[in-house]
Amino acid sequence: MHIRVETRIGHGGIEMPLRFFFDGRKVAVAENLDRWPGPSDCYFKVKGDDGNLYIVRLDENRAEWDLVLFQSASAEGSVP
């Protein structure tokens, strides 16, 4: 799912998600949990200010962001 993302420049000049928008919702990034690069993209695992976990992907060639994974805070621990 394509999303709109506002970013900030983090340590080492890396573009980091600050907040993102989808389905009429605005989610601020409360914590950047992990980051890993791919061949032409970069993935970020973040905790939103809503308590949910998200994985978002930046396609660096097209400068487009996608929501890859969403996990509700209420669902945490419910899946083995």
N, C-alpha and C. Protein backbone atom coordinates (compact mmCIF):
# COMPACT_ATOMS: atom_id res chain seq x y z
N MET A 1 0.85 -1.17 0.00
CA MET A 1 0.00 0.00 0.00
C MET A 1 0.90 1.24 0.00
N HIS A 2 0.70 2.11 -1.00
CA HIS A 2 1.46 3.35 -1.04
C HIS A 2 1.00 4.26 0.09
N ILE A 3 1.97 4.93 0.71
CA ILE A 3 1.67 5.87 1.79
C ILE A 3 2.47 7.14 1.56
N ARG A 4 2.02 8.21 2.19
CA ARG A 4 2.77 9.47 2.16
C ARG A 4 3.56 9.55 3.46
N VAL A 5 4.83 9.90 3.36
CA VAL A 5 5.71 9.91 4.53
C VAL A 5 6.43 11.25 4.61
N GLU A 6 6.46 11.81 5.81
CA GLU A 6 7.30 12.97 6.09
C GLU A 6 8.55 12.42 6.76
N THR A 7 9.71 12.94 6.37
CA THR A 7 10.97 12.39 6.85
C THR A 7 11.83 13.44 7.53
N ARG A 8 12.86 12.94 8.16
CA ARG A 8 13.92 13.78 8.72
C ARG A 8 15.24 13.11 8.34
N ILE A 9 16.30 13.86 8.39
CA ILE A 9 17.62 13.31 8.11
C ILE A 9 18.21 12.84 9.43
N GLY A 10 18.50 11.56 9.49
CA GLY A 10 19.04 10.95 10.70
C GLY A 10 20.55 10.88 10.68
N HIS A 11 21.09 10.11 11.62
CA HIS A 11 22.53 9.92 11.74
C HIS A 11 23.12 9.39 10.43
N GLY A 12 24.19 9.97 9.99
CA GLY A 12 24.84 9.55 8.76
C GLY A 12 24.15 10.03 7.51
N GLY A 13 23.21 10.98 7.64
CA GLY A 13 22.53 11.53 6.47
C GLY A 13 21.45 10.64 5.90
N ILE A 14 21.00 9.65 6.69
CA ILE A 14 19.99 8.70 6.23
C ILE A 14 18.59 9.30 6.41
N GLU A 15 17.78 9.21 5.37
CA GLU A 15 16.40 9.67 5.42
C GLU A 15 15.59 8.71 6.31
N MET A 16 14.95 9.24 7.35
CA MET A 16 14.22 8.44 8.32
C MET A 16 12.75 8.90 8.36
N PRO A 17 11.80 7.96 8.49
CA PRO A 17 10.39 8.36 8.59
C PRO A 17 10.12 9.09 9.91
N LEU A 18 9.39 10.17 9.81
CA LEU A 18 9.01 10.97 10.98
C LEU A 18 7.52 10.78 11.28
N ARG A 19 6.71 10.78 10.23
CA ARG A 19 5.28 10.49 10.34
C ARG A 19 4.79 10.05 8.98
N PHE A 20 3.68 9.29 8.98
CA PHE A 20 3.14 8.83 7.70
C PHE A 20 1.63 8.84 7.73
N PHE A 21 1.05 8.81 6.53
CA PHE A 21 -0.39 9.00 6.35
C PHE A 21 -0.93 7.90 5.44
N PHE A 22 -2.04 7.28 5.87
CA PHE A 22 -2.73 6.29 5.05
C PHE A 22 -4.15 6.14 5.56
N ASP A 23 -5.08 5.86 4.67
CA ASP A 23 -6.49 5.66 5.01
C ASP A 23 -7.05 6.76 5.91
N GLY A 24 -6.64 8.00 5.66
CA GLY A 24 -7.13 9.12 6.45
C GLY A 24 -6.53 9.22 7.84
N ARG A 25 -5.53 8.41 8.13
CA ARG A 25 -4.88 8.41 9.45
C ARG A 25 -3.51 9.07 9.37
N LYS A 26 -3.10 9.68 10.47
CA LYS A 26 -1.76 10.23 10.61
C LYS A 26 -1.10 9.51 11.77
N VAL A 27 0.06 8.93 11.52
CA VAL A 27 0.79 8.20 12.55
C VAL A 27 2.18 8.81 12.69
N ALA A 28 2.48 9.30 13.88
CA ALA A 28 3.82 9.81 14.15
C ALA A 28 4.70 8.65 14.60
N VAL A 29 5.95 8.67 14.19
CA VAL A 29 6.89 7.63 14.60
C VAL A 29 7.36 7.95 16.02
N ALA A 30 7.02 7.07 16.95
CA ALA A 30 7.44 7.24 18.34
C ALA A 30 8.84 6.70 18.55
N GLU A 31 9.17 5.63 17.80
CA GLU A 31 10.48 5.00 17.96
C GLU A 31 10.87 4.26 16.69
N ASN A 32 12.10 4.47 16.25
CA ASN A 32 12.66 3.70 15.14
C ASN A 32 13.32 2.47 15.76
N LEU A 33 12.77 1.29 15.46
CA LEU A 33 13.24 0.06 16.08
C LEU A 33 14.34 -0.64 15.29
N ASP A 34 14.28 -0.57 13.97
CA ASP A 34 15.26 -1.26 13.14
C ASP A 34 15.24 -0.67 11.74
N ARG A 35 16.32 -0.92 11.01
CA ARG A 35 16.43 -0.45 9.63
C ARG A 35 17.34 -1.41 8.90
N TRP A 36 16.96 -1.77 7.68
CA TRP A 36 17.83 -2.62 6.87
C TRP A 36 17.67 -2.27 5.41
N PRO A 37 18.80 -2.20 4.69
CA PRO A 37 18.76 -1.84 3.28
C PRO A 37 18.56 -3.06 2.39
N GLY A 38 17.96 -2.80 1.24
CA GLY A 38 17.85 -3.78 0.17
C GLY A 38 18.65 -3.26 -1.01
N PRO A 39 18.59 -3.93 -2.15
CA PRO A 39 19.37 -3.50 -3.32
C PRO A 39 19.02 -2.09 -3.79
N SER A 40 17.75 -1.74 -3.79
CA SER A 40 17.33 -0.40 -4.25
C SER A 40 16.28 0.19 -3.32
N ASP A 41 16.20 -0.35 -2.10
CA ASP A 41 15.22 0.17 -1.16
C ASP A 41 15.74 0.03 0.26
N CYS A 42 15.00 0.60 1.18
CA CYS A 42 15.38 0.55 2.58
C CYS A 42 14.11 0.31 3.40
N TYR A 43 14.19 -0.59 4.34
CA TYR A 43 13.06 -0.94 5.20
C TYR A 43 13.28 -0.36 6.59
N PHE A 44 12.17 0.06 7.22
CA PHE A 44 12.21 0.60 8.57
C PHE A 44 11.12 -0.07 9.41
N LYS A 45 11.51 -0.57 10.57
CA LYS A 45 10.54 -1.10 11.54
C LYS A 45 10.38 0.00 12.59
N VAL A 46 9.14 0.50 12.72
CA VAL A 46 8.90 1.62 13.62
C VAL A 46 7.70 1.32 14.52
N LYS A 47 7.71 1.99 15.67
CA LYS A 47 6.55 1.97 16.56
C LYS A 47 5.86 3.31 16.41
N GLY A 48 4.56 3.26 16.12
CA GLY A 48 3.79 4.49 15.96
C GLY A 48 3.34 5.06 17.28
N ASP A 49 2.93 6.32 17.27
CA ASP A 49 2.43 6.95 18.48
C ASP A 49 1.10 6.33 18.93
N ASP A 50 0.54 5.46 18.10
CA ASP A 50 -0.68 4.73 18.44
C ASP A 50 -0.36 3.39 19.11
N GLY A 51 0.93 3.09 19.32
CA GLY A 51 1.35 1.85 19.96
C GLY A 51 1.51 0.68 19.01
N ASN A 52 1.14 0.85 17.74
CA ASN A 52 1.22 -0.23 16.77
C ASN A 52 2.61 -0.30 16.14
N LEU A 53 2.94 -1.48 15.60
CA LEU A 53 4.20 -1.68 14.89
C LEU A 53 3.96 -1.63 13.40
N TYR A 54 4.91 -1.03 12.68
CA TYR A 54 4.80 -0.89 11.23
C TYR A 54 6.15 -1.20 10.60
N ILE A 55 6.12 -1.77 9.41
CA ILE A 55 7.31 -1.84 8.57
C ILE A 55 6.97 -1.07 7.31
N VAL A 56 7.79 -0.06 7.04
CA VAL A 56 7.60 0.77 5.85
C VAL A 56 8.84 0.64 4.98
N ARG A 57 8.64 0.77 3.68
CA ARG A 57 9.73 0.60 2.71
C ARG A 57 9.84 1.83 1.84
N LEU A 58 11.05 2.29 1.69
CA LEU A 58 11.36 3.38 0.77
C LEU A 58 11.99 2.80 -0.48
N ASP A 59 11.33 2.97 -1.61
CA ASP A 59 11.91 2.61 -2.91
C ASP A 59 12.76 3.80 -3.32
N GLU A 60 14.06 3.65 -3.19
CA GLU A 60 14.97 4.78 -3.41
C GLU A 60 15.03 5.22 -4.87
N ASN A 61 14.78 4.32 -5.80
CA ASN A 61 14.81 4.68 -7.22
C ASN A 61 13.62 5.56 -7.60
N ARG A 62 12.46 5.27 -7.03
CA ARG A 62 11.24 6.01 -7.37
C ARG A 62 10.86 7.04 -6.30
N ALA A 63 11.56 7.04 -5.18
CA ALA A 63 11.26 7.94 -4.05
C ALA A 63 9.80 7.76 -3.60
N GLU A 64 9.38 6.49 -3.52
CA GLU A 64 8.02 6.16 -3.08
C GLU A 64 8.09 5.28 -1.84
N TRP A 65 7.10 5.47 -0.97
CA TRP A 65 7.01 4.71 0.27
C TRP A 65 5.82 3.76 0.22
N ASP A 66 6.00 2.59 0.86
CA ASP A 66 4.93 1.60 0.97
C ASP A 66 4.83 1.12 2.41
N LEU A 67 3.61 0.84 2.83
CA LEU A 67 3.37 0.17 4.10
C LEU A 67 3.44 -1.32 3.81
N VAL A 68 4.40 -2.01 4.42
CA VAL A 68 4.63 -3.43 4.16
C VAL A 68 3.94 -4.29 5.20
N LEU A 69 3.97 -3.86 6.47
CA LEU A 69 3.40 -4.65 7.55
C LEU A 69 2.82 -3.75 8.61
N PHE A 70 1.70 -4.17 9.17
CA PHE A 70 1.05 -3.48 10.28
C PHE A 70 0.73 -4.52 11.33
N GLN A 71 1.09 -4.26 12.58
CA GLN A 71 0.71 -5.15 13.68
C GLN A 71 0.09 -4.31 14.78
N SER A 72 -1.15 -4.61 15.09
CA SER A 72 -1.86 -3.89 16.14
C SER A 72 -1.26 -4.21 17.49
N ALA A 73 -1.14 -3.19 18.34
CA ALA A 73 -0.62 -3.38 19.68
C ALA A 73 -1.48 -4.37 20.46
N SER A 74 -2.77 -4.40 20.19
CA SER A 74 -3.66 -5.33 20.90
C SER A 74 -3.46 -6.76 20.44
N ALA A 75 -2.84 -6.97 19.28
CA ALA A 75 -2.60 -8.31 18.77
C ALA A 75 -1.25 -8.86 19.22
N GLU A 76 -0.40 -8.01 19.82
CA GLU A 76 0.92 -8.44 20.25
C GLU A 76 0.80 -9.62 21.20
N GLY A 77 1.58 -10.61 20.96
CA GLY A 77 1.58 -11.78 21.82
C GLY A 77 0.51 -12.79 21.50
N SER A 78 -0.41 -12.46 20.57
CA SER A 78 -1.48 -13.38 20.25
C SER A 78 -1.08 -14.39 19.19
N VAL A 79 0.03 -14.11 18.50
CA VAL A 79 0.51 -15.03 17.47
C VAL A 79 1.80 -15.66 17.96
N PRO A 80 1.91 -16.98 17.95
CA PRO A 80 3.13 -17.63 18.47
C PRO A 80 4.34 -17.29 17.63
